Structures are given as C-alpha cells and as structure tokens.
Amino acid sequence: YIFASLTERDLHSCMTSMEIVEISKGENIITQGQEGEYFFVVESGNFTVIVDGKTVSQIGEGSSFGELALLYNAPRQATVRADTAAVVFSLDRESYRFLIAQSSFDKTVEIKRALNSCPLLAELTDEQLEKISEAVELFPYNAGDIIIKKGTEGKVFYMIKEGTVLVDVGEQFSQTTLGPGEYFGERALITGEPRAATITAQGKVLLMALDRDAFNSLLGPIRDVLNHNS
C-alpha cells in the first residue's frame, strides 16, 4: 500500500534505487526490537518470521517485508531469519522519502499543466490553480469501466486529463463523447439531484477528481459558469 500512489515511472525509479543484498542461511535480516530503516523484496530464498520467539509465518520469492520502516522510525515488530541462502532487494527510508517527495512535486506540476488546458478554469489565477492541483486526485479507468451511473448520488466532480468518456443520458437523448479538457459531474454537486447520466470510459482514461468539499471551496469563482452549463 505504501507504493499505491506511485506512477509506473516512479516505481521504475524506486526499483533502480534498490540495492541487491545476499543473505546467508541462518542470518537474521531484521531483528525484533531493533530500529529498522530498510524495506526488502525477496528475489530468491526462504525466510521464517518470528515474533516473541514463536514462528508466525514463512515468506519466499516475490514476498516483501519491512515496509513500516519506510514510514516510521520504530522498532521492528518481528525477526526475519533466512532458512536458506537468499538474495533480496533493499530500499532505505531516505531514498523512499525522496522518491515520494519527487513524485508529489511531479504530480502537482503535471496536474497544473492539465488544468491550464481546461477552458472552464481559464479565468482562475495561478494561486487558485495551484490550490486545485494540490487537492485533485488522479483516477485511472479502463475501457468499459463505469465512472458514473445514472440515478446514483453525486459526490465527485471530474475533469478529463487523458482519454475519452461516453455520456449516456438515456431515453430519447443521443450519446455524446467528452475528451481532454472537458468535465462532468458538476450538476449533482450543485443541485443535490441524483446523477443524470451514465458515463463510461472509452479506452484508457485518466481523470482529475475533486470531492464535494473541495469542489465547493475551490471552484467558487466559476460557480456561475458551472450553474449555467449544468
């Protein structure tokens, strides 16, 4: 879960920052009670996890452990002992924090660039765009994924960063397509009414999303435009 917010590029940087460590049979790679600052991924070999002198689990190739050391300066909660000669990849706390900080900065710059291409936000100041870019969450979707279902409660406003979506109001209305720079989901947040259309991803889609609180506090200056368009 500690890598959930990272992009593929970030994960590649993370991988290149890891070091290869060879572990001897019987060696404790981490020891309960000691301070930890490394996260490990098992390339080969088998390990036993021991807590308070009792074996609690076995881990092997492809497994990982020690992730809390990247987040907190806290004692190890278990001992991990090599049952065989093993090879692991290690990542230290300082490298991880640098990667997360760099990823956050890159994400903000990328989002702000995308927001600048959205006509809806053309009248906002750089300061306002900066606040929106910090509040926005990115959500990827694949072809056929339902993003919004007609009749459900609306809690999120979306702007399209990449890809296209299909808007289906139903009944006698024809379907429409929205692409990068366009937005949807504002009506339910403004009126409190259920979603008025089902919106489906066409191919891979990346959306910039604001929840209700962020929508109300950050998009106040363009509320008149949103009211008119909805």
Protein backbone atom coordinates (compact mmCIF):
# COMPACT_ATOMS: atom_id res chain seq x y z
CA TYR A 1 0.00 0.00 0.00
CA ILE A 2 2.95 2.37 0.53
CA PHE A 3 3.55 2.39 -3.23
CA ALA A 4 -0.10 2.75 -4.24
CA SER A 5 0.19 6.43 -5.16
CA LEU A 6 3.27 5.99 -7.35
CA THR A 7 3.15 6.02 -11.14
CA GLU A 8 4.92 3.45 -13.32
CA ARG A 9 7.76 5.94 -13.78
CA ASP A 10 8.03 6.41 -10.01
CA LEU A 11 8.06 2.66 -9.47
CA HIS A 12 10.86 2.33 -12.01
CA SER A 13 12.85 4.97 -10.10
CA CYS A 14 12.16 3.06 -6.91
CA MET A 15 13.45 -0.15 -8.45
CA THR A 16 16.65 1.48 -9.67
CA SER A 17 17.24 2.86 -6.15
CA MET A 18 17.18 -0.61 -4.62
CA GLU A 19 20.35 -2.49 -3.72
CA ILE A 20 20.98 -6.22 -4.05
CA VAL A 21 21.83 -7.90 -0.73
CA GLU A 22 22.97 -11.50 -0.31
CA ILE A 23 21.84 -13.23 2.89
CA SER A 24 23.42 -16.35 4.42
CA LYS A 25 21.38 -19.27 5.74
CA GLY A 26 20.53 -18.69 9.41
CA GLU A 27 21.15 -14.93 9.23
CA ASN A 28 18.59 -12.52 10.70
CA ILE A 29 17.90 -9.89 8.06
CA ILE A 30 15.86 -7.94 10.61
CA THR A 31 15.61 -8.45 14.38
CA GLN A 32 12.60 -7.74 16.57
CA GLY A 33 13.09 -4.66 18.75
CA GLN A 34 15.87 -3.14 16.67
CA GLU A 35 15.40 0.08 14.73
CA GLY A 36 14.58 -0.50 11.08
CA GLU A 37 15.15 1.67 8.05
CA TYR A 38 15.06 -0.81 5.16
CA PHE A 39 12.29 -2.41 3.12
CA PHE A 40 13.01 -5.75 1.43
CA VAL A 41 11.75 -7.69 -1.58
CA VAL A 42 12.76 -11.35 -1.83
CA GLU A 43 14.44 -12.27 -5.11
CA SER A 44 15.25 -15.84 -4.06
CA GLY A 45 15.33 -17.94 -0.90
CA ASN A 46 13.02 -18.60 2.03
CA PHE A 47 12.56 -16.86 5.38
CA THR A 48 10.84 -17.52 8.68
CA VAL A 49 9.02 -14.70 10.52
CA ILE A 50 9.39 -14.93 14.30
CA VAL A 51 7.52 -12.88 16.91
CA ASP A 52 8.44 -13.18 20.60
CA GLY A 53 10.32 -16.38 19.85
CA LYS A 54 7.43 -18.05 18.05
CA THR A 55 7.24 -18.79 14.32
CA VAL A 56 4.26 -16.98 12.80
CA SER A 57 4.76 -17.35 9.03
CA GLN A 58 7.05 -18.26 6.14
CA ILE A 59 7.87 -15.99 3.23
CA GLY A 60 9.62 -16.65 -0.05
CA GLU A 61 10.34 -15.44 -3.57
CA GLY A 62 8.30 -12.37 -4.56
CA SER A 63 7.33 -11.55 -0.99
CA SER A 64 8.19 -8.28 0.74
CA PHE A 65 8.60 -7.15 4.32
CA GLY A 66 9.80 -4.26 6.46
CA GLU A 67 7.66 -1.60 4.75
CA LEU A 68 6.79 0.19 8.01
CA ALA A 69 10.47 1.13 8.33
CA LEU A 70 10.00 3.43 5.33
CA LEU A 71 7.24 5.31 7.13
CA TYR A 72 8.18 5.32 10.81
CA ASN A 73 11.29 5.35 12.93
CA ALA A 74 10.01 2.49 15.09
CA PRO A 75 11.39 -0.81 16.38
CA ARG A 76 10.93 -3.91 14.23
CA GLN A 77 7.85 -5.91 15.19
CA ALA A 78 9.34 -9.28 14.18
CA THR A 79 12.54 -11.13 13.42
CA VAL A 80 13.00 -12.43 9.87
CA ARG A 81 15.51 -15.26 9.56
CA ALA A 82 16.85 -16.83 6.36
CA ASP A 83 16.08 -20.56 6.09
CA THR A 84 18.29 -20.80 3.01
CA ALA A 85 20.89 -18.68 1.27
CA ALA A 86 18.88 -15.80 -0.18
CA VAL A 87 19.02 -12.66 -2.31
CA VAL A 88 16.87 -9.62 -1.56
CA PHE A 89 16.42 -6.12 -2.90
CA SER A 90 16.56 -3.38 -0.25
CA LEU A 91 15.29 0.20 -0.20
CA ASP A 92 16.22 2.63 2.57
CA ARG A 93 13.95 5.20 4.20
CA GLU A 94 15.80 8.25 2.89
CA SER A 95 15.58 7.09 -0.72
CA TYR A 96 11.89 6.27 -0.34
CA ARG A 97 11.05 9.68 1.13
CA PHE A 98 12.96 11.42 -1.65
CA LEU A 99 11.05 9.42 -4.26
CA ILE A 100 7.70 10.24 -2.63
CA ALA A 101 8.55 13.96 -2.43
CA GLN A 102 9.69 14.00 -6.06
CA SER A 103 6.60 12.09 -7.14
CA SER A 104 4.33 14.53 -5.32
CA PHE A 105 6.05 17.52 -6.95
CA ASP A 106 5.93 15.97 -10.43
CA LYS A 107 2.27 15.08 -9.95
CA THR A 108 1.38 18.66 -8.95
CA VAL A 109 3.24 20.14 -11.94
CA GLU A 110 1.62 17.65 -14.33
CA ILE A 111 -1.86 18.26 -12.96
CA LYS A 112 -1.45 22.05 -13.09
CA ARG A 113 -0.40 21.77 -16.74
CA ALA A 114 -3.55 19.76 -17.45
CA LEU A 115 -5.73 22.22 -15.53
CA ASN A 116 -4.34 25.06 -17.64
CA SER A 117 -5.71 23.31 -20.73
CA CYS A 118 -9.23 23.17 -19.29
CA PRO A 119 -11.28 26.11 -20.68
CA LEU A 120 -13.53 26.07 -17.61
CA LEU A 121 -10.60 27.19 -15.45
CA ALA A 122 -9.22 29.82 -17.83
CA GLU A 123 -10.18 32.74 -15.60
CA LEU A 124 -8.61 31.40 -12.42
CA THR A 125 -5.37 32.82 -11.04
CA ASP A 126 -2.15 30.81 -10.72
CA GLU A 127 -2.72 30.70 -6.97
CA GLN A 128 -6.20 29.24 -7.42
CA LEU A 129 -4.93 26.67 -9.92
CA GLU A 130 -2.16 25.74 -7.50
CA LYS A 131 -4.71 25.01 -4.77
CA ILE A 132 -6.82 22.92 -7.13
CA SER A 133 -3.77 20.96 -8.34
CA GLU A 134 -2.92 20.11 -4.73
CA ALA A 135 -6.47 18.96 -3.99
CA VAL A 136 -7.05 16.94 -7.15
CA GLU A 137 -6.83 13.14 -7.08
CA LEU A 138 -5.98 11.15 -10.22
CA PHE A 139 -8.13 8.14 -11.10
CA PRO A 140 -7.34 5.77 -13.99
CA TYR A 141 -10.05 3.79 -15.78
CA ASN A 142 -10.00 1.12 -18.47
CA ALA A 143 -12.28 0.65 -21.48
CA GLY A 144 -15.81 -0.18 -20.40
CA ASP A 145 -15.41 0.93 -16.79
CA ILE A 146 -18.48 2.77 -15.49
CA ILE A 147 -17.34 6.03 -13.89
CA ILE A 148 -20.77 7.41 -13.03
CA LYS A 149 -24.08 5.52 -13.01
CA LYS A 150 -27.30 7.37 -13.70
CA GLY A 151 -29.53 7.74 -10.62
CA THR A 152 -26.77 7.42 -8.03
CA GLU A 153 -25.72 10.10 -5.55
CA GLY A 154 -23.11 12.53 -6.81
CA LYS A 155 -20.08 13.13 -4.63
CA VAL A 156 -17.27 13.85 -7.09
CA PHE A 157 -16.55 16.34 -9.90
CA TYR A 158 -14.35 15.11 -12.74
CA MET A 159 -12.09 16.75 -15.33
CA ILE A 160 -10.62 14.64 -18.12
CA LYS A 161 -6.83 14.60 -18.28
CA GLU A 162 -6.39 11.80 -20.81
CA GLY A 163 -8.72 9.71 -22.94
CA THR A 164 -12.44 9.98 -23.74
CA VAL A 165 -15.69 9.04 -22.00
CA LEU A 166 -19.17 8.24 -23.31
CA VAL A 167 -22.10 10.13 -21.79
CA ASP A 168 -25.41 8.27 -21.96
CA VAL A 169 -28.43 10.17 -20.63
CA GLY A 170 -30.82 7.51 -21.95
CA GLU A 171 -34.39 7.89 -23.21
CA GLN A 172 -34.57 9.90 -26.43
CA PHE A 173 -31.24 11.68 -25.96
CA SER A 174 -28.26 10.72 -28.09
CA GLN A 175 -24.94 9.69 -26.58
CA THR A 176 -22.09 12.19 -26.52
CA THR A 177 -18.34 11.92 -26.08
CA LEU A 178 -16.12 14.07 -23.86
CA GLY A 179 -12.35 14.36 -24.11
CA PRO A 180 -9.30 16.04 -22.51
CA GLY A 181 -10.03 19.45 -21.00
CA GLU A 182 -13.75 18.72 -20.62
CA TYR A 183 -15.54 17.94 -17.36
CA PHE A 184 -18.59 16.24 -15.89
CA GLY A 185 -20.32 15.50 -12.61
CA GLU A 186 -20.89 19.09 -11.55
CA ARG A 187 -24.69 19.07 -11.81
CA ALA A 188 -25.30 16.59 -8.99
CA LEU A 189 -22.97 18.52 -6.69
CA ILE A 190 -24.66 21.85 -7.44
CA THR A 191 -28.29 20.73 -7.33
CA GLY A 192 -28.11 17.77 -4.98
CA GLU A 193 -30.03 15.70 -7.54
CA PRO A 194 -29.02 12.13 -8.50
CA ARG A 195 -26.60 11.63 -11.38
CA ALA A 196 -28.34 12.48 -14.66
CA ALA A 197 -26.29 10.21 -16.93
CA THR A 198 -24.18 7.08 -17.05
CA ILE A 199 -20.60 7.81 -18.04
CA THR A 200 -18.31 5.07 -19.32
CA ALA A 201 -14.61 5.06 -20.18
CA GLN A 202 -13.71 4.59 -23.83
CA GLY A 203 -10.24 3.07 -23.76
CA LYS A 204 -7.81 4.11 -21.06
CA VAL A 205 -8.88 7.25 -19.23
CA LEU A 206 -7.20 9.37 -16.58
CA LEU A 207 -9.46 11.71 -14.61
CA MET A 208 -8.75 14.57 -12.23
CA ALA A 209 -11.30 14.46 -9.41
CA LEU A 210 -12.46 16.83 -6.68
CA ASP A 211 -14.74 15.71 -3.87
CA ARG A 212 -17.73 17.78 -2.79
CA ASP A 213 -15.89 19.85 -0.15
CA ALA A 214 -13.01 20.71 -2.47
CA PHE A 215 -15.45 21.43 -5.30
CA ASN A 216 -17.41 23.91 -3.19
CA SER A 217 -14.40 25.67 -1.66
CA LEU A 218 -12.09 25.83 -4.69
CA LEU A 219 -14.46 26.34 -7.62
CA GLY A 220 -16.46 29.19 -6.11
CA PRO A 221 -15.07 31.76 -8.57
CA ILE A 222 -16.52 29.83 -11.54
CA ARG A 223 -19.77 28.75 -9.90
CA ASP A 224 -21.82 30.93 -12.24
CA VAL A 225 -20.30 29.18 -15.27
CA LEU A 226 -20.99 25.78 -13.78
CA ASN A 227 -24.56 26.71 -12.89
CA HIS A 228 -25.17 27.91 -16.45
CA ASN A 229 -23.64 24.84 -18.07
CA SER A 230 -25.40 22.35 -15.80
